[in-house]
Amino acid sequence: MFISFEGTEGVGKTTLIQRIYAYLEQQNHQIVLTREPGGTVMAEQIRSLLLSVNHQEQMSHDTELLLMYAARAQHLAQVIEPALRQGQTVLCDRFTDASFAYQCAGRGLNPEKLALLNESFVSRMPHLTFWLDAPIEIGMNRARERGALDRFEQEKLSFFEKVRLGYETLWQKHPERIKRLDATQIPDQVFSEALQYLNFN
């Protein structure tokens, strides 16, 4: 099973992923825990490019999108596809939904560009996606408490409001795959809600 975790900054994705990882491990599942952008040595190098704040040169929105998909192609080929072929469960922090939310809804890129990239380079989609949803101010306050903000985290609140709306659009379009979790709840409640959707039968 391929499960992705989505949401804006500071909504508790990492906490939920770790809880589900521990739960599935107790159920004797073979699990791969990974993230995007990243997941391989090369993709992690691309992640560094994407997240670092560069005051000398501003990254174009198209460059950002293409770098995301370069990392994703490598990630699919080296980690996700091999794990799924071996019958392992893949838990991935972000996947293609993040590209729609951040690059299309947030940056304003044409969704047709994303559709073409998905058709050309994304060999499979998650079976299940957890969207952790919370008001932007709550998430950003949590993100600031973690330390220095990366290039994305330094965006204005208006950008993240668009991103959140992008996730809501996807949730309404794909309710069979994307499950909204109220991330304003305490972690135990979020985890309990997520467990209701896990079905390995």
N, C-alpha and C. Protein backbone atom coordinates (compact mmCIF):
# COMPACT_ATOMS: atom_id res chain seq x y z
N MET A 1 0.84 -1.19 0.00
CA MET A 1 0.00 0.00 0.00
C MET A 1 0.88 1.24 0.00
N PHE A 2 0.46 2.22 -0.74
CA PHE A 2 1.19 3.48 -0.90
C PHE A 2 0.34 4.57 -0.26
N ILE A 3 0.83 5.17 0.83
CA ILE A 3 0.08 6.19 1.57
C ILE A 3 0.89 7.49 1.59
N SER A 4 0.25 8.58 1.19
CA SER A 4 0.92 9.88 1.23
C SER A 4 0.26 10.76 2.30
N PHE A 5 1.03 11.75 2.75
CA PHE A 5 0.58 12.66 3.80
C PHE A 5 0.78 14.09 3.30
N GLU A 6 -0.29 14.87 3.35
CA GLU A 6 -0.25 16.21 2.76
C GLU A 6 -0.73 17.26 3.76
N GLY A 7 -0.40 18.51 3.45
CA GLY A 7 -0.86 19.62 4.28
C GLY A 7 0.12 20.78 4.20
N THR A 8 -0.31 21.92 4.70
CA THR A 8 0.56 23.10 4.73
C THR A 8 1.57 22.93 5.86
N GLU A 9 2.37 23.98 6.08
CA GLU A 9 3.46 23.88 7.06
C GLU A 9 2.92 23.74 8.48
N GLY A 10 3.60 22.90 9.28
CA GLY A 10 3.31 22.83 10.71
C GLY A 10 2.01 22.18 11.12
N VAL A 11 1.42 21.35 10.24
CA VAL A 11 0.13 20.74 10.59
C VAL A 11 0.26 19.39 11.30
N GLY A 12 1.49 18.89 11.44
CA GLY A 12 1.69 17.65 12.19
C GLY A 12 1.85 16.40 11.34
N LYS A 13 2.25 16.57 10.08
CA LYS A 13 2.44 15.41 9.20
C LYS A 13 3.48 14.44 9.78
N THR A 14 4.61 14.98 10.21
CA THR A 14 5.70 14.13 10.71
C THR A 14 5.25 13.32 11.91
N THR A 15 4.51 13.95 12.83
CA THR A 15 4.02 13.26 14.01
C THR A 15 3.11 12.11 13.62
N LEU A 16 2.18 12.36 12.69
CA LEU A 16 1.24 11.32 12.27
C LEU A 16 1.96 10.19 11.55
N ILE A 17 2.88 10.53 10.67
CA ILE A 17 3.63 9.50 9.94
C ILE A 17 4.37 8.58 10.92
N GLN A 18 5.00 9.16 11.92
CA GLN A 18 5.74 8.35 12.89
C GLN A 18 4.81 7.44 13.68
N ARG A 19 3.62 7.95 14.01
CA ARG A 19 2.65 7.15 14.76
C ARG A 19 2.15 5.98 13.90
N ILE A 20 1.85 6.25 12.64
CA ILE A 20 1.36 5.19 11.75
C ILE A 20 2.48 4.18 11.46
N TYR A 21 3.70 4.67 11.31
CA TYR A 21 4.85 3.78 11.11
C TYR A 21 4.96 2.79 12.28
N ALA A 22 4.89 3.31 13.50
CA ALA A 22 5.01 2.46 14.69
C ALA A 22 3.85 1.47 14.76
N TYR A 23 2.66 1.94 14.42
CA TYR A 23 1.48 1.07 14.46
C TYR A 23 1.61 -0.08 13.46
N LEU A 24 2.00 0.24 12.22
CA LEU A 24 2.12 -0.79 11.19
C LEU A 24 3.26 -1.76 11.49
N GLU A 25 4.31 -1.23 12.10
CA GLU A 25 5.43 -2.09 12.48
C GLU A 25 4.97 -3.15 13.48
N GLN A 26 4.10 -2.75 14.41
CA GLN A 26 3.56 -3.69 15.39
C GLN A 26 2.68 -4.75 14.71
N GLN A 27 2.12 -4.39 13.56
CA GLN A 27 1.29 -5.33 12.79
C GLN A 27 2.13 -6.18 11.83
N ASN A 28 3.46 -6.06 11.97
CA ASN A 28 4.42 -6.85 11.17
C ASN A 28 4.42 -6.49 9.69
N HIS A 29 4.10 -5.23 9.36
CA HIS A 29 4.22 -4.77 7.98
C HIS A 29 5.67 -4.38 7.71
N GLN A 30 6.10 -4.62 6.47
CA GLN A 30 7.40 -4.12 6.01
C GLN A 30 7.16 -2.71 5.48
N ILE A 31 7.81 -1.72 6.05
CA ILE A 31 7.48 -0.33 5.76
C ILE A 31 8.69 0.45 5.26
N VAL A 32 8.43 1.30 4.27
CA VAL A 32 9.43 2.26 3.81
C VAL A 32 8.90 3.65 4.15
N LEU A 33 9.69 4.40 4.89
CA LEU A 33 9.33 5.76 5.29
C LEU A 33 10.15 6.72 4.45
N THR A 34 9.48 7.60 3.71
CA THR A 34 10.22 8.46 2.79
C THR A 34 9.53 9.83 2.67
N ARG A 35 10.11 10.71 1.86
CA ARG A 35 9.55 12.06 1.76
C ARG A 35 9.83 12.68 0.40
N GLU A 36 9.05 13.73 0.11
CA GLU A 36 9.28 14.52 -1.11
C GLU A 36 9.28 16.01 -0.79
N PRO A 37 10.09 16.80 -1.52
CA PRO A 37 11.13 16.28 -2.40
C PRO A 37 12.21 15.59 -1.57
N GLY A 38 12.76 14.53 -2.12
CA GLY A 38 13.79 13.78 -1.41
C GLY A 38 13.58 12.29 -1.56
N GLY A 39 14.13 11.55 -0.61
CA GLY A 39 13.95 10.10 -0.60
C GLY A 39 15.11 9.31 -1.16
N THR A 40 15.94 9.93 -1.98
CA THR A 40 17.17 9.30 -2.48
C THR A 40 18.30 10.33 -2.33
N VAL A 41 19.53 9.90 -2.49
CA VAL A 41 20.66 10.83 -2.35
C VAL A 41 20.53 11.97 -3.35
N MET A 42 20.24 11.63 -4.62
CA MET A 42 20.13 12.66 -5.64
C MET A 42 18.92 13.57 -5.40
N ALA A 43 17.79 12.96 -5.04
CA ALA A 43 16.58 13.74 -4.79
C ALA A 43 16.73 14.64 -3.57
N GLU A 44 17.51 14.20 -2.59
CA GLU A 44 17.76 15.05 -1.42
C GLU A 44 18.62 16.26 -1.79
N GLN A 45 19.53 16.07 -2.76
CA GLN A 45 20.32 17.21 -3.23
C GLN A 45 19.41 18.23 -3.93
N ILE A 46 18.43 17.73 -4.68
CA ILE A 46 17.48 18.61 -5.32
C ILE A 46 16.63 19.33 -4.27
N ARG A 47 16.27 18.61 -3.22
CA ARG A 47 15.50 19.20 -2.10
C ARG A 47 16.25 20.40 -1.52
N SER A 48 17.55 20.22 -1.33
CA SER A 48 18.36 21.32 -0.78
C SER A 48 18.29 22.55 -1.66
N LEU A 49 18.33 22.33 -2.97
CA LEU A 49 18.20 23.45 -3.91
C LEU A 49 16.85 24.14 -3.77
N LEU A 50 15.81 23.34 -3.63
CA LEU A 50 14.44 23.86 -3.57
C LEU A 50 14.17 24.62 -2.28
N LEU A 51 14.72 24.17 -1.18
CA LEU A 51 14.38 24.77 0.11
C LEU A 51 15.32 25.89 0.55
N SER A 52 16.53 25.93 -0.03
CA SER A 52 17.49 26.93 0.42
C SER A 52 17.09 28.33 -0.05
N VAL A 53 17.34 29.30 0.80
CA VAL A 53 17.03 30.69 0.48
C VAL A 53 18.23 31.27 -0.28
N ASN A 54 18.01 31.66 -1.54
CA ASN A 54 19.09 32.18 -2.38
C ASN A 54 18.78 33.65 -2.70
N HIS A 55 19.55 34.54 -2.09
CA HIS A 55 19.29 35.97 -2.29
C HIS A 55 19.91 36.49 -3.58
N GLN A 56 20.79 35.69 -4.21
CA GLN A 56 21.44 36.13 -5.45
C GLN A 56 20.56 35.89 -6.68
N GLU A 57 19.76 34.84 -6.62
CA GLU A 57 18.99 34.45 -7.81
C GLU A 57 17.65 33.88 -7.38
N GLN A 58 16.58 34.47 -7.88
CA GLN A 58 15.24 33.98 -7.53
C GLN A 58 14.88 32.82 -8.46
N MET A 59 14.38 31.73 -7.86
CA MET A 59 14.00 30.57 -8.65
C MET A 59 12.67 30.83 -9.35
N SER A 60 12.62 30.56 -10.65
CA SER A 60 11.35 30.74 -11.37
C SER A 60 10.37 29.64 -10.97
N HIS A 61 9.09 29.93 -11.13
CA HIS A 61 8.08 28.94 -10.75
C HIS A 61 8.18 27.68 -11.60
N ASP A 62 8.50 27.84 -12.89
CA ASP A 62 8.65 26.67 -13.75
C ASP A 62 9.84 25.81 -13.32
N THR A 63 10.93 26.47 -12.95
CA THR A 63 12.11 25.74 -12.47
C THR A 63 11.77 24.95 -11.22
N GLU A 64 11.04 25.59 -10.32
CA GLU A 64 10.62 24.92 -9.08
C GLU A 64 9.81 23.66 -9.39
N LEU A 65 8.85 23.79 -10.31
CA LEU A 65 8.01 22.65 -10.67
C LEU A 65 8.83 21.52 -11.30
N LEU A 66 9.72 21.87 -12.21
CA LEU A 66 10.52 20.85 -12.89
C LEU A 66 11.51 20.17 -11.95
N LEU A 67 12.07 20.92 -11.03
CA LEU A 67 12.96 20.31 -10.03
C LEU A 67 12.18 19.33 -9.15
N MET A 68 10.97 19.70 -8.79
CA MET A 68 10.12 18.79 -8.00
C MET A 68 9.93 17.46 -8.74
N TYR A 69 9.69 17.56 -10.04
CA TYR A 69 9.42 16.34 -10.81
C TYR A 69 10.69 15.57 -11.14
N ALA A 70 11.81 16.26 -11.24
CA ALA A 70 13.08 15.54 -11.40
C ALA A 70 13.35 14.69 -10.15
N ALA A 71 13.13 15.29 -8.99
CA ALA A 71 13.31 14.54 -7.73
C ALA A 71 12.30 13.41 -7.64
N ARG A 72 11.07 13.67 -8.07
CA ARG A 72 10.00 12.66 -7.98
C ARG A 72 10.29 11.46 -8.89
N ALA A 73 10.76 11.72 -10.09
CA ALA A 73 11.07 10.63 -11.02
C ALA A 73 12.14 9.71 -10.43
N GLN A 74 13.16 10.32 -9.85
CA GLN A 74 14.23 9.54 -9.21
C GLN A 74 13.70 8.75 -8.01
N HIS A 75 12.86 9.40 -7.25
CA HIS A 75 12.27 8.79 -6.05
C HIS A 75 11.41 7.58 -6.41
N LEU A 76 10.59 7.73 -7.43
CA LEU A 76 9.74 6.63 -7.88
C LEU A 76 10.58 5.44 -8.36
N ALA A 77 11.59 5.75 -9.17
CA ALA A 77 12.41 4.68 -9.76
C ALA A 77 13.26 3.95 -8.73
N GLN A 78 13.79 4.70 -7.77
CA GLN A 78 14.76 4.11 -6.83
C GLN A 78 14.15 3.60 -5.53
N VAL A 79 13.02 4.17 -5.11
CA VAL A 79 12.48 3.83 -3.79
C VAL A 79 11.05 3.30 -3.85
N ILE A 80 10.13 4.10 -4.38
CA ILE A 80 8.70 3.76 -4.26
C ILE A 80 8.34 2.51 -5.06
N GLU A 81 8.68 2.49 -6.34
CA GLU A 81 8.33 1.34 -7.18
C GLU A 81 8.96 0.04 -6.68
N PRO A 82 10.26 0.02 -6.38
CA PRO A 82 10.86 -1.23 -5.88
C PRO A 82 10.21 -1.72 -4.58
N ALA A 83 9.90 -0.80 -3.67
CA ALA A 83 9.28 -1.18 -2.40
C ALA A 83 7.90 -1.80 -2.62
N LEU A 84 7.10 -1.18 -3.48
CA LEU A 84 5.75 -1.70 -3.73
C LEU A 84 5.80 -3.05 -4.44
N ARG A 85 6.77 -3.22 -5.34
CA ARG A 85 6.92 -4.52 -6.02
C ARG A 85 7.26 -5.64 -5.03
N GLN A 86 7.96 -5.27 -3.96
CA GLN A 86 8.34 -6.26 -2.94
C GLN A 86 7.26 -6.43 -1.87
N GLY A 87 6.11 -5.78 -2.07
CA GLY A 87 5.02 -5.94 -1.12
C GLY A 87 5.13 -5.12 0.13
N GLN A 88 6.00 -4.11 0.09
CA GLN A 88 6.16 -3.25 1.26
C GLN A 88 5.14 -2.12 1.25
N THR A 89 4.90 -1.54 2.42
CA THR A 89 4.03 -0.38 2.55
C THR A 89 4.89 0.88 2.51
N VAL A 90 4.52 1.83 1.67
CA VAL A 90 5.28 3.07 1.53
C VAL A 90 4.51 4.21 2.19
N LEU A 91 5.14 4.86 3.16
CA LEU A 91 4.59 6.06 3.79
C LEU A 91 5.41 7.24 3.30
N CYS A 92 4.76 8.15 2.58
CA CYS A 92 5.50 9.25 1.93
C CYS A 92 4.97 10.61 2.39
N ASP A 93 5.87 11.41 2.92
CA ASP A 93 5.57 12.79 3.33
C ASP A 93 5.55 13.66 2.07
N ARG A 94 4.35 13.91 1.56
CA ARG A 94 4.05 14.66 0.34
C ARG A 94 4.26 13.81 -0.93
N PHE A 95 3.43 14.13 -1.94
CA PHE A 95 3.58 13.53 -3.27
C PHE A 95 3.00 14.50 -4.29
N THR A 96 2.36 14.02 -5.35
CA THR A 96 1.94 14.92 -6.43
C THR A 96 0.90 15.94 -6.00
N ASP A 97 0.08 15.62 -4.99
CA ASP A 97 -0.92 16.59 -4.53
C ASP A 97 -0.25 17.88 -4.07
N ALA A 98 0.93 17.76 -3.49
CA ALA A 98 1.65 18.95 -3.03
C ALA A 98 2.03 19.84 -4.21
N SER A 99 2.35 19.23 -5.35
CA SER A 99 2.70 20.03 -6.52
C SER A 99 1.50 20.83 -7.02
N PHE A 100 0.32 20.22 -6.99
CA PHE A 100 -0.87 20.96 -7.38
C PHE A 100 -1.13 22.09 -6.39
N ALA A 101 -1.07 21.78 -5.10
CA ALA A 101 -1.39 22.77 -4.08
C ALA A 101 -0.39 23.92 -4.06
N TYR A 102 0.90 23.60 -4.11
CA TYR A 102 1.92 24.64 -3.99
C TYR A 102 2.24 25.33 -5.31
N GLN A 103 2.47 24.55 -6.36
CA GLN A 103 2.89 25.17 -7.63
C GLN A 103 1.71 25.69 -8.46
N CYS A 104 0.58 24.99 -8.45
CA CYS A 104 -0.57 25.45 -9.25
C CYS A 104 -1.44 26.41 -8.46
N ALA A 105 -2.00 25.95 -7.34
CA ALA A 105 -2.86 26.82 -6.54
C ALA A 105 -2.06 27.96 -5.92
N GLY A 106 -0.89 27.65 -5.35
CA GLY A 106 -0.09 28.67 -4.68
C GLY A 106 0.62 29.62 -5.62
N ARG A 107 1.36 29.07 -6.58
CA ARG A 107 2.15 29.90 -7.51
C ARG A 107 1.35 30.39 -8.71
N GLY A 108 0.24 29.71 -9.01
CA GLY A 108 -0.56 30.13 -10.15
C GLY A 108 -0.17 29.50 -11.47
N LEU A 109 0.59 28.39 -11.43
CA LEU A 109 0.96 27.73 -12.68
C LEU A 109 -0.25 27.00 -13.28
N ASN A 110 -0.23 26.86 -14.59
CA ASN A 110 -1.32 26.19 -15.31
C ASN A 110 -1.36 24.71 -14.92
N PRO A 111 -2.50 24.23 -14.43
CA PRO A 111 -2.61 22.81 -14.05
C PRO A 111 -2.33 21.85 -15.20
N GLU A 112 -2.45 22.33 -16.45
CA GLU A 112 -2.16 21.46 -17.59
C GLU A 112 -0.69 21.04 -17.61
N LYS A 113 0.19 21.92 -17.11
CA LYS A 113 1.61 21.56 -17.03
C LYS A 113 1.79 20.38 -16.08
N LEU A 114 1.08 20.46 -14.96
CA LEU A 114 1.15 19.40 -13.97
C LEU A 114 0.59 18.09 -14.52
N ALA A 115 -0.53 18.20 -15.22
CA ALA A 115 -1.16 17.00 -15.79
C ALA A 115 -0.22 16.32 -16.77
N LEU A 116 0.49 17.09 -17.58
CA LEU A 116 1.44 16.54 -18.54
C LEU A 116 2.59 15.84 -17.83
N LEU A 117 3.10 16.47 -16.76
CA LEU A 117 4.20 15.87 -16.00
C LEU A 117 3.75 14.58 -15.31
N ASN A 118 2.55 14.61 -14.75
CA ASN A 118 2.03 13.41 -14.10
C ASN A 118 1.88 12.27 -15.10
N GLU A 119 1.31 12.60 -16.26
CA GLU A 119 1.10 11.58 -17.30
C GLU A 119 2.42 11.00 -17.79
N SER A 120 3.44 11.86 -17.86
CA SER A 120 4.72 11.44 -18.43
C SER A 120 5.64 10.75 -17.42
N PHE A 121 5.59 11.18 -16.16
CA PHE A 121 6.64 10.75 -15.22
C PHE A 121 6.14 10.10 -13.93
N VAL A 122 4.84 10.09 -13.69
CA VAL A 122 4.35 9.50 -12.44
C VAL A 122 3.69 8.16 -12.75
N SER A 123 4.37 7.09 -12.38
CA SER A 123 3.94 5.75 -12.75
C SER A 123 2.79 5.23 -11.89
N ARG A 124 2.63 5.80 -10.70
CA ARG A 124 1.51 5.37 -9.86
C ARG A 124 1.17 6.44 -8.83
N MET A 125 -0.08 6.44 -8.40
CA MET A 125 -0.56 7.37 -7.38
C MET A 125 -0.76 6.63 -6.06
N PRO A 126 -0.80 7.36 -4.96
CA PRO A 126 -1.06 6.70 -3.67
C PRO A 126 -2.43 6.03 -3.65
N HIS A 127 -2.53 4.95 -2.89
CA HIS A 127 -3.83 4.32 -2.66
C HIS A 127 -4.67 5.18 -1.71
N LEU A 128 -3.97 5.85 -0.77
CA LEU A 128 -4.63 6.62 0.27
C LEU A 128 -3.78 7.85 0.57
N THR A 129 -4.46 8.99 0.74
CA THR A 129 -3.77 10.24 1.08
C THR A 129 -4.45 10.87 2.28
N PHE A 130 -3.66 11.17 3.31
CA PHE A 130 -4.17 11.90 4.46
C PHE A 130 -3.85 13.39 4.28
N TRP A 131 -4.88 14.20 4.27
CA TRP A 131 -4.69 15.65 4.21
C TRP A 131 -4.93 16.21 5.61
N LEU A 132 -3.88 16.67 6.25
CA LEU A 132 -3.99 17.28 7.58
C LEU A 132 -4.28 18.77 7.39
N ASP A 133 -5.45 19.17 7.83
CA ASP A 133 -5.93 20.53 7.56
C ASP A 133 -6.08 21.32 8.86
N ALA A 134 -5.52 22.52 8.86
CA ALA A 134 -5.63 23.42 10.00
C ALA A 134 -5.52 24.86 9.50
N PRO A 135 -6.07 25.83 10.22
CA PRO A 135 -5.90 27.22 9.83
C PRO A 135 -4.42 27.56 9.67
N ILE A 136 -4.11 28.37 8.67
CA ILE A 136 -2.71 28.67 8.32
C ILE A 136 -1.94 29.24 9.51
N GLU A 137 -2.55 30.13 10.28
CA GLU A 137 -1.84 30.78 11.39
C GLU A 137 -1.36 29.75 12.41
N ILE A 138 -2.17 28.74 12.67
CA ILE A 138 -1.79 27.70 13.64
C ILE A 138 -0.56 26.95 13.14
N GLY A 139 -0.59 26.52 11.88
CA GLY A 139 0.53 25.79 11.32
C GLY A 139 1.81 26.61 11.27
N MET A 140 1.69 27.88 10.88
CA MET A 140 2.89 28.72 10.76
C MET A 140 3.49 29.01 12.12
N ASN A 141 2.67 29.15 13.14
CA ASN A 141 3.21 29.35 14.50
C ASN A 141 4.02 28.13 14.92
N ARG A 142 3.51 26.94 14.59
CA ARG A 142 4.25 25.71 14.90
C ARG A 142 5.56 25.66 14.12
N ALA A 143 5.50 26.05 12.82
CA ALA A 143 6.70 26.01 11.98
C ALA A 143 7.78 26.95 12.52
N ARG A 144 7.37 28.13 12.98
CA ARG A 144 8.34 29.09 13.52
C ARG A 144 9.00 28.56 14.79
N GLU A 145 8.24 27.81 15.57
CA GLU A 145 8.79 27.25 16.81
C GLU A 145 9.87 26.20 16.53
N ARG A 146 9.85 25.62 15.31
CA ARG A 146 10.84 24.59 14.96
C ARG A 146 12.22 25.18 14.69
N GLY A 147 12.27 26.47 14.36
CA GLY A 147 13.56 27.09 14.05
C GLY A 147 13.52 27.92 12.78
N ALA A 148 14.68 28.05 12.11
CA ALA A 148 14.78 28.88 10.92
C ALA A 148 13.84 28.38 9.82
N LEU A 149 13.20 29.31 9.12
CA LEU A 149 12.24 28.96 8.08
C LEU A 149 12.94 28.77 6.74
N ASP A 150 12.51 27.74 5.98
CA ASP A 150 13.10 27.52 4.65
C ASP A 150 12.42 28.43 3.62
N ARG A 151 12.78 28.26 2.35
CA ARG A 151 12.29 29.15 1.29
C ARG A 151 10.77 29.15 1.18
N PHE A 152 10.16 27.99 1.34
CA PHE A 152 8.70 27.91 1.27
C PHE A 152 8.05 28.51 2.52
N GLU A 153 8.61 28.17 3.67
CA GLU A 153 8.02 28.63 4.93
C GLU A 153 8.07 30.15 5.07
N GLN A 154 8.94 30.81 4.30
CA GLN A 154 9.04 32.26 4.36
C GLN A 154 7.99 32.98 3.49
N GLU A 155 7.18 32.20 2.79
CA GLU A 155 6.12 32.82 1.97
C GLU A 155 5.08 33.50 2.86
N LYS A 156 4.31 34.42 2.25
CA LYS A 156 3.28 35.14 2.99
C LYS A 156 2.09 34.22 3.29
N LEU A 157 1.30 34.64 4.28
CA LEU A 157 0.12 33.86 4.65
C LEU A 157 -0.84 33.72 3.47
N SER A 158 -0.91 34.74 2.63
CA SER A 158 -1.83 34.69 1.48
C SER A 158 -1.46 33.54 0.53
N PHE A 159 -0.17 33.25 0.40
CA PHE A 159 0.29 32.13 -0.41
C PHE A 159 -0.24 30.81 0.17
N PHE A 160 -0.10 30.64 1.47
CA PHE A 160 -0.53 29.40 2.11
C PHE A 160 -2.05 29.25 2.13
N GLU A 161 -2.76 30.37 2.14
CA GLU A 161 -4.22 30.29 2.02
C GLU A 161 -4.59 29.70 0.66
N LYS A 162 -3.88 30.09 -0.38
CA LYS A 162 -4.13 29.53 -1.72
C LYS A 162 -3.77 28.04 -1.75
N VAL A 163 -2.67 27.69 -1.09
CA VAL A 163 -2.25 26.28 -1.03
C VAL A 163 -3.32 25.45 -0.34
N ARG A 164 -3.82 25.96 0.76
CA ARG A 164 -4.87 25.24 1.50
C ARG A 164 -6.12 25.06 0.63
N LEU A 165 -6.49 26.08 -0.11
CA LEU A 165 -7.63 25.97 -1.03
C LEU A 165 -7.36 24.94 -2.12
N GLY A 166 -6.09 24.86 -2.55
CA GLY A 166 -5.70 23.85 -3.53
C GLY A 166 -5.92 22.44 -3.01
N TYR A 167 -5.54 22.23 -1.75
CA TYR A 167 -5.77 20.91 -1.13
C TYR A 167 -7.27 20.63 -1.01
N GLU A 168 -8.03 21.65 -0.67
CA GLU A 168 -9.48 21.46 -0.54
C GLU A 168 -10.10 21.08 -1.89
N THR A 169 -9.61 21.69 -2.96
CA THR A 169 -10.08 21.35 -4.31
C THR A 169 -9.81 19.88 -4.62
N LEU A 170 -8.61 19.42 -4.31
CA LEU A 170 -8.25 18.01 -4.56
C LEU A 170 -9.09 17.07 -3.72
N TRP A 171 -9.32 17.43 -2.46
CA TRP A 171 -10.12 16.61 -1.55
C TRP A 171 -11.55 16.45 -2.08
N GLN A 172 -12.10 17.53 -2.59
CA GLN A 172 -13.45 17.46 -3.13
C GLN A 172 -13.50 16.65 -4.43
N LYS A 173 -12.41 16.69 -5.18
CA LYS A 173 -12.34 15.98 -6.46
C LYS A 173 -12.06 14.49 -6.29
N HIS A 174 -11.29 14.13 -5.26
CA HIS A 174 -10.88 12.72 -5.06
C HIS A 174 -11.20 12.24 -3.64
N PRO A 175 -12.47 12.27 -3.23
CA PRO A 175 -12.81 11.89 -1.85
C PRO A 175 -12.55 10.42 -1.54
N GLU A 176 -12.50 9.58 -2.59
CA GLU A 176 -12.25 8.17 -2.35
C GLU A 176 -10.79 7.91 -1.95
N ARG A 177 -9.90 8.78 -2.35
CA ARG A 177 -8.47 8.62 -2.02
C ARG A 177 -8.02 9.56 -0.91
N ILE A 178 -8.44 10.80 -0.97
CA ILE A 178 -7.96 11.82 -0.03
C ILE A 178 -8.91 11.93 1.16
N LYS A 179 -8.37 11.75 2.35
CA LYS A 179 -9.15 11.84 3.58
C LYS A 179 -8.68 13.04 4.39
N ARG A 180 -9.60 13.95 4.67
CA ARG A 180 -9.27 15.15 5.44
C ARG A 180 -9.26 14.83 6.93
N LEU A 181 -8.17 15.21 7.61
CA LEU A 181 -8.06 15.05 9.05
C LEU A 181 -7.98 16.44 9.69
N ASP A 182 -8.74 16.66 10.73
CA ASP A 182 -8.73 17.95 11.44
C ASP A 182 -7.45 18.05 12.27
N ALA A 183 -6.50 18.82 11.78
CA ALA A 183 -5.18 18.89 12.42
C ALA A 183 -5.16 19.86 13.60
N THR A 184 -6.31 20.45 13.94
CA THR A 184 -6.36 21.28 15.16
C THR A 184 -6.54 20.40 16.39
N GLN A 185 -6.87 19.14 16.19
CA GLN A 185 -7.04 18.21 17.31
C GLN A 185 -5.68 17.83 17.90
N ILE A 186 -5.71 17.23 19.09
CA ILE A 186 -4.46 16.73 19.67
C ILE A 186 -3.99 15.54 18.83
N PRO A 187 -2.67 15.27 18.81
CA PRO A 187 -2.13 14.20 17.97
C PRO A 187 -2.82 12.85 18.14
N ASP A 188 -3.21 12.50 19.37
CA ASP A 188 -3.88 11.22 19.60
C ASP A 188 -5.18 11.12 18.82
N GLN A 189 -5.93 12.22 18.76
CA GLN A 189 -7.20 12.22 18.04
C GLN A 189 -6.98 12.14 16.53
N VAL A 190 -5.96 12.85 16.04
CA VAL A 190 -5.64 12.80 14.61
C VAL A 190 -5.26 11.37 14.22
N PHE A 191 -4.45 10.74 15.04
CA PHE A 191 -4.02 9.36 14.78
C PHE A 191 -5.21 8.40 14.80
N SER A 192 -6.08 8.55 15.79
CA SER A 192 -7.27 7.70 15.90
C SER A 192 -8.17 7.85 14.68
N GLU A 193 -8.31 9.09 14.20
CA GLU A 193 -9.12 9.34 13.01
C GLU A 193 -8.50 8.69 11.78
N ALA A 194 -7.17 8.79 11.66
CA ALA A 194 -6.46 8.20 10.52
C ALA A 194 -6.61 6.69 10.49
N LEU A 195 -6.59 6.06 11.65
CA LEU A 195 -6.67 4.60 11.73
C LEU A 195 -7.97 4.07 11.13
N GLN A 196 -9.01 4.87 11.18
CA GLN A 196 -10.31 4.43 10.65
C GLN A 196 -10.24 4.16 9.14
N TYR A 197 -9.28 4.81 8.48
CA TYR A 197 -9.18 4.68 7.01
C TYR A 197 -8.16 3.65 6.57
N LEU A 198 -7.39 3.10 7.51
CA LEU A 198 -6.35 2.13 7.14
C LEU A 198 -7.00 0.75 6.98
N ASN A 199 -6.91 0.22 5.79
CA ASN A 199 -7.51 -1.09 5.52
C ASN A 199 -6.55 -1.89 4.66
N PHE A 200 -5.98 -2.95 5.24
CA PHE A 200 -5.01 -3.76 4.52
C PHE A 200 -5.58 -5.12 4.13
N ASN A 201 -6.90 -5.25 4.23
CA ASN A 201 -7.51 -6.54 3.86
C ASN A 201 -7.61 -6.70 2.36
